[in-house]
N, C-alpha and C. Protein backbone atom coordinates (compact mmCIF):
# COMPACT_ATOMS: atom_id res chain seq x y z
N MET A 1 19.89 2.00 19.76
CA MET A 1 21.00 2.34 18.79
C MET A 1 20.85 0.97 18.01
N THR A 2 20.36 0.96 16.59
CA THR A 2 20.77 0.29 15.96
C THR A 2 22.00 -0.44 15.84
N LEU A 3 22.25 -1.72 15.26
CA LEU A 3 23.70 -2.57 15.65
C LEU A 3 23.56 -3.32 13.95
N ILE A 4 24.53 -3.07 13.54
CA ILE A 4 24.55 -3.75 12.24
C ILE A 4 25.55 -5.05 12.65
N ASN A 5 25.20 -6.21 12.27
CA ASN A 5 26.03 -7.32 11.70
C ASN A 5 27.06 -7.23 10.71
N ALA A 6 28.59 -7.04 10.82
CA ALA A 6 29.32 -7.99 9.57
C ALA A 6 30.15 -8.38 9.64
N VAL A 7 30.71 -8.61 8.79
CA VAL A 7 32.18 -9.72 8.68
C VAL A 7 33.18 -8.98 8.22
N CYS A 8 34.43 -9.14 8.72
CA CYS A 8 35.87 -8.95 8.03
C CYS A 8 36.02 -9.87 8.00
N ASP A 9 36.82 -9.87 6.53
CA ASP A 9 38.28 -10.92 6.53
C ASP A 9 38.91 -11.62 7.35
N ASP A 10 39.08 -10.78 8.19
CA ASP A 10 40.33 -11.11 8.97
C ASP A 10 39.88 -11.49 10.59
N CYS A 11 39.07 -10.48 10.92
CA CYS A 11 38.58 -10.46 12.52
C CYS A 11 37.09 -11.39 12.82
N GLY A 12 36.47 -12.29 11.62
CA GLY A 12 35.31 -12.38 11.17
C GLY A 12 34.04 -11.65 11.80
N ASP A 13 33.04 -11.98 12.22
CA ASP A 13 31.98 -11.15 12.87
C ASP A 13 32.30 -9.44 13.74
N VAL A 14 31.54 -8.74 13.47
CA VAL A 14 31.56 -7.42 13.80
C VAL A 14 30.37 -6.67 14.06
N GLU A 15 30.98 -6.12 15.37
CA GLU A 15 28.89 -5.02 15.42
C GLU A 15 29.55 -3.58 14.95
N LEU A 16 28.53 -3.23 14.21
CA LEU A 16 29.14 -1.23 13.75
C LEU A 16 27.32 -0.97 13.64
N THR A 17 27.81 0.60 13.83
CA THR A 17 26.12 1.38 14.09
C THR A 17 25.74 1.78 12.27
N PRO A 18 24.96 2.43 11.93
CA PRO A 18 25.11 2.62 10.29
C PRO A 18 25.80 3.87 9.98
N ASP A 19 26.25 4.45 11.14
CA ASP A 19 27.28 5.95 10.95
C ASP A 19 28.79 5.19 10.82
N ASP A 20 28.81 3.90 10.73
CA ASP A 20 30.06 3.03 10.15
C ASP A 20 29.83 2.44 9.00
N LEU A 21 29.30 2.43 8.09
CA LEU A 21 28.51 2.24 6.91
C LEU A 21 28.95 3.15 5.52
N VAL A 22 29.32 2.75 4.68
CA VAL A 22 28.61 3.73 3.35
C VAL A 22 28.27 2.21 2.35
N VAL A 23 26.81 2.71 1.87
CA VAL A 23 26.42 1.99 1.07
C VAL A 23 26.46 2.62 -0.93
N VAL A 24 27.02 1.47 -1.66
CA VAL A 24 26.87 2.31 -2.88
C VAL A 24 25.96 0.92 -3.40
N VAL A 25 24.78 1.44 -4.07
CA VAL A 25 23.98 1.08 -4.79
C VAL A 25 23.50 1.25 -5.99
N ASP A 26 23.78 0.28 -7.07
CA ASP A 26 23.53 0.02 -8.40
C ASP A 26 22.27 0.39 -8.85
N GLY A 27 22.26 1.87 -9.37
CA GLY A 27 20.78 2.23 -9.77
C GLY A 27 19.71 1.42 -10.94
N ILE A 28 20.18 0.82 -11.31
CA ILE A 28 19.21 -0.35 -12.69
C ILE A 28 19.02 -1.74 -11.51
N HIS A 29 19.45 -2.42 -10.35
CA HIS A 29 19.55 -3.81 -9.74
C HIS A 29 18.84 -3.34 -8.95
N GLY A 30 19.34 -2.28 -7.74
CA GLY A 30 19.19 -2.04 -6.56
C GLY A 30 20.67 -2.67 -6.23
N SER A 31 21.30 -3.99 -6.11
CA SER A 31 22.64 -4.24 -5.30
C SER A 31 23.49 -3.74 -5.21
N GLY A 32 24.46 -3.78 -5.26
CA GLY A 32 25.42 -2.88 -4.83
C GLY A 32 26.86 -3.77 -3.59
N THR A 33 27.24 -2.45 -3.14
CA THR A 33 28.16 -2.94 -2.05
C THR A 33 28.35 -2.11 -0.81
N TYR A 34 28.83 -2.53 0.36
CA TYR A 34 28.95 -1.75 1.77
C TYR A 34 30.14 -1.40 2.12
N ALA A 35 30.42 -1.47 2.45
CA ALA A 35 32.06 -0.58 2.82
C ALA A 35 32.02 -0.36 4.06
N PHE A 36 33.08 -0.70 5.25
CA PHE A 36 33.00 -0.15 6.72
C PHE A 36 34.56 -0.01 6.91
N ASP A 37 35.39 0.74 7.68
CA ASP A 37 36.79 0.15 8.05
C ASP A 37 36.37 -0.95 9.65
N CYS A 38 37.16 -1.93 9.55
CA CYS A 38 37.22 -2.84 10.75
C CYS A 38 37.64 -2.05 12.20
N PRO A 39 36.30 -1.99 13.18
CA PRO A 39 36.62 -1.83 14.35
C PRO A 39 37.17 -2.48 15.36
N CYS A 40 38.16 -3.74 14.27
CA CYS A 40 39.01 -4.02 15.30
C CYS A 40 40.17 -4.00 14.84
N CYS A 41 41.23 -4.22 13.41
CA CYS A 41 41.75 -4.25 12.90
C CYS A 41 42.15 -3.23 11.55
N ASP A 42 41.20 -2.59 11.65
CA ASP A 42 41.00 -1.05 10.68
C ASP A 42 40.99 -1.18 9.39
N ALA A 43 40.94 -2.52 8.99
CA ALA A 43 41.37 -2.94 7.53
C ALA A 43 39.97 -2.53 7.26
N ALA A 44 40.13 -2.30 5.71
CA ALA A 44 38.82 -1.29 5.15
C ALA A 44 38.35 -2.42 4.53
N VAL A 45 36.97 -3.32 4.39
CA VAL A 45 36.16 -4.00 4.06
C VAL A 45 35.15 -3.37 3.18
N THR A 46 35.12 -4.33 1.97
CA THR A 46 34.17 -4.22 0.65
C THR A 46 33.41 -5.43 0.88
N GLN A 47 31.59 -5.55 1.04
CA GLN A 47 31.15 -6.67 0.96
C GLN A 47 30.04 -5.97 -0.21
N TYR A 48 29.90 -7.37 -1.40
CA TYR A 48 28.66 -6.99 -2.12
C TYR A 48 27.20 -7.41 -1.51
N VAL A 49 26.29 -6.76 -1.94
CA VAL A 49 24.99 -6.59 -1.04
C VAL A 49 24.26 -6.59 -2.46
N SER A 50 23.36 -7.77 -1.84
CA SER A 50 21.71 -8.17 -2.51
C SER A 50 20.54 -6.31 -2.52
N ALA A 51 20.37 -6.44 -3.17
CA ALA A 51 19.12 -5.14 -3.63
C ALA A 51 18.31 -5.30 -1.99
N ARG A 52 17.50 -6.68 -1.80
CA ARG A 52 17.13 -6.41 -0.47
C ARG A 52 17.93 -5.80 0.53
N PHE A 53 19.26 -6.47 0.95
CA PHE A 53 19.72 -5.86 2.03
C PHE A 53 20.70 -4.57 1.68
N ALA A 54 20.44 -4.06 0.73
CA ALA A 54 21.19 -2.63 0.41
C ALA A 54 19.84 -1.77 0.52
N HIS A 55 18.60 -2.73 0.72
CA HIS A 55 16.93 -1.78 1.28
C HIS A 55 17.41 -1.59 2.65
N LEU A 56 17.36 -2.78 3.25
CA LEU A 56 17.72 -2.87 4.38
C LEU A 56 18.52 -1.69 5.34
N LEU A 57 19.83 -1.59 4.49
CA LEU A 57 20.62 -0.93 4.83
C LEU A 57 20.56 0.46 5.01
N VAL A 58 19.62 1.07 3.93
CA VAL A 58 19.48 2.41 3.37
C VAL A 58 18.25 2.64 4.74
N ALA A 59 17.57 1.61 4.84
CA ALA A 59 16.30 1.70 5.78
C ALA A 59 16.84 1.91 6.95
N ALA A 60 17.89 1.41 8.25
CA ALA A 60 18.53 1.48 9.09
C ALA A 60 19.29 2.54 9.01
N GLY A 61 19.42 3.71 8.45
CA GLY A 61 19.97 4.87 8.16
C GLY A 61 21.14 4.59 7.78
N VAL A 62 21.87 3.98 6.91
CA VAL A 62 23.36 4.34 6.44
C VAL A 62 22.83 4.80 5.47
N PHE A 63 24.39 5.75 5.14
CA PHE A 63 24.93 6.89 4.31
C PHE A 63 25.04 5.82 3.27
N HIS A 64 24.13 5.95 1.85
CA HIS A 64 24.16 5.33 0.31
C HIS A 64 24.19 6.56 -0.27
N THR A 65 24.92 6.11 -1.44
CA THR A 65 24.89 6.44 -2.81
C THR A 65 24.68 5.48 -3.88
N VAL A 66 23.51 6.22 -5.23
CA VAL A 66 23.16 5.49 -5.70
C VAL A 66 24.02 5.73 -7.03
N VAL A 67 24.50 4.63 -7.74
CA VAL A 67 24.73 5.09 -9.27
C VAL A 67 24.60 4.51 -10.68
N GLU A 68 24.53 5.26 -11.21
CA GLU A 68 24.04 5.31 -12.07
C GLU A 68 24.59 4.78 -13.57
N PRO A 69 24.58 3.76 -14.37
CA PRO A 69 25.61 3.79 -15.41
C PRO A 69 25.49 4.91 -16.41
N PRO A 70 26.49 5.56 -17.17
CA PRO A 70 26.36 6.42 -18.18
C PRO A 70 25.71 5.61 -19.69
N PRO A 71 25.15 7.19 -20.05
CA PRO A 71 23.98 6.32 -21.59
C PRO A 71 24.98 5.37 -22.41
N LEU A 72 24.07 4.74 -22.80
CA LEU A 72 24.92 4.25 -23.93
C LEU A 72 24.96 5.18 -24.95
N ARG A 73 26.38 5.54 -25.60
CA ARG A 73 26.52 6.07 -26.89
C ARG A 73 26.48 5.17 -28.04
N SER A 74 26.21 5.41 -29.58
CA SER A 74 26.15 5.28 -30.36
C SER A 74 27.45 4.81 -30.78
N ILE A 75 28.29 5.27 -30.16
CA ILE A 75 29.71 4.75 -30.62
C ILE A 75 29.83 3.66 -29.61
N ASP A 76 29.51 3.60 -28.80
CA ASP A 76 29.36 1.69 -27.80
C ASP A 76 28.89 0.81 -28.70
N VAL A 77 27.70 0.93 -29.57
CA VAL A 77 27.16 0.32 -30.44
C VAL A 77 27.98 -0.51 -31.53
N GLU A 78 28.31 0.42 -32.25
CA GLU A 78 28.94 0.39 -33.31
C GLU A 78 30.54 -0.61 -32.87
N GLN A 79 31.40 0.42 -31.94
CA GLN A 79 32.42 -0.48 -31.08
C GLN A 79 31.96 -2.53 -30.96
N PHE A 80 30.89 -2.15 -30.61
CA PHE A 80 30.35 -3.91 -30.10
C PHE A 80 30.25 -4.61 -31.10
N LEU A 81 29.69 -4.10 -32.26
CA LEU A 81 29.04 -4.38 -33.38
C LEU A 81 30.57 -4.95 -34.48
N ARG A 82 31.42 -3.77 -34.61
CA ARG A 82 32.53 -4.41 -35.44
C ARG A 82 33.23 -5.97 -34.36
N PHE A 83 33.27 -5.75 -32.50
CA PHE A 83 34.19 -6.77 -32.68
C PHE A 83 33.11 -7.84 -32.67
N LEU A 84 32.16 -7.86 -32.93
CA LEU A 84 30.54 -9.14 -33.41
C LEU A 84 31.71 -9.76 -34.75
N ALA A 85 31.89 -8.98 -35.58
CA ALA A 85 31.81 -9.05 -37.13
C ALA A 85 32.86 -9.77 -36.86
N ASP A 86 34.06 -9.46 -36.33
CA ASP A 86 36.05 -9.69 -36.32
C ASP A 86 35.88 -10.95 -35.32
N ASP A 87 36.20 -11.92 -35.71
CA ASP A 87 36.57 -13.42 -34.69
C ASP A 87 37.33 -13.29 -33.94
N GLU A 88 38.77 -12.83 -34.86
CA GLU A 88 40.09 -12.25 -34.20
C GLU A 88 40.29 -11.41 -33.10
N LEU A 89 39.42 -10.05 -33.36
CA LEU A 89 39.21 -9.20 -32.37
C LEU A 89 38.84 -9.52 -31.26
N LEU A 90 37.33 -10.62 -31.12
CA LEU A 90 36.58 -10.47 -30.41
C LEU A 90 37.18 -10.98 -29.62
N ALA A 91 38.13 -12.41 -30.09
CA ALA A 91 38.78 -12.94 -29.08
C ALA A 91 40.15 -12.44 -28.54
N SER A 92 40.67 -11.31 -28.79
CA SER A 92 42.01 -10.51 -28.63
C SER A 92 40.62 -9.53 -27.58
N ALA A 93 39.59 -9.20 -27.29
CA ALA A 93 39.63 -8.44 -26.49
C ALA A 93 38.99 -9.67 -25.42
N VAL A 94 38.48 -10.57 -25.52
CA VAL A 94 38.44 -12.11 -24.02
C VAL A 94 39.28 -11.99 -23.58
N ASN A 95 40.49 -12.48 -23.97
CA ASN A 95 41.49 -12.84 -23.75
C ASN A 95 42.45 -11.58 -22.84
N GLY A 96 42.05 -10.43 -22.95
CA GLY A 96 42.56 -9.30 -22.37
C GLY A 96 41.61 -9.11 -20.83
N LEU A 97 40.54 -9.56 -21.44
CA LEU A 97 39.78 -9.40 -20.04
C LEU A 97 40.15 -10.57 -19.03
N ALA A 98 40.54 -11.64 -19.22
CA ALA A 98 40.74 -13.24 -18.68
C ALA A 98 41.88 -12.58 -17.84
N ARG A 99 42.69 -11.99 -18.21
CA ARG A 99 43.92 -11.74 -17.55
C ARG A 99 44.35 -11.10 -16.41
């Protein structure tokens, strides 16, 4: 049986089987996240995973899903151009993200 080493923030190193994990892969970059419920403390754990590691987890039989970003719409481009043309609007948006 394949065993996968993972890390719980509270318990440290834990051993899991492919059925214990789920991988969500970014369809553009291949990186993503893996998630599991810690077998020791039952905490829900989510960690970033590189494209290489995501590929290894999928090859080991971990259930995965690929998430594709929504297509860029012309209204999105128009709104972005408005932000670039208006310093106050852009500063307000950036300050809102920083909170």
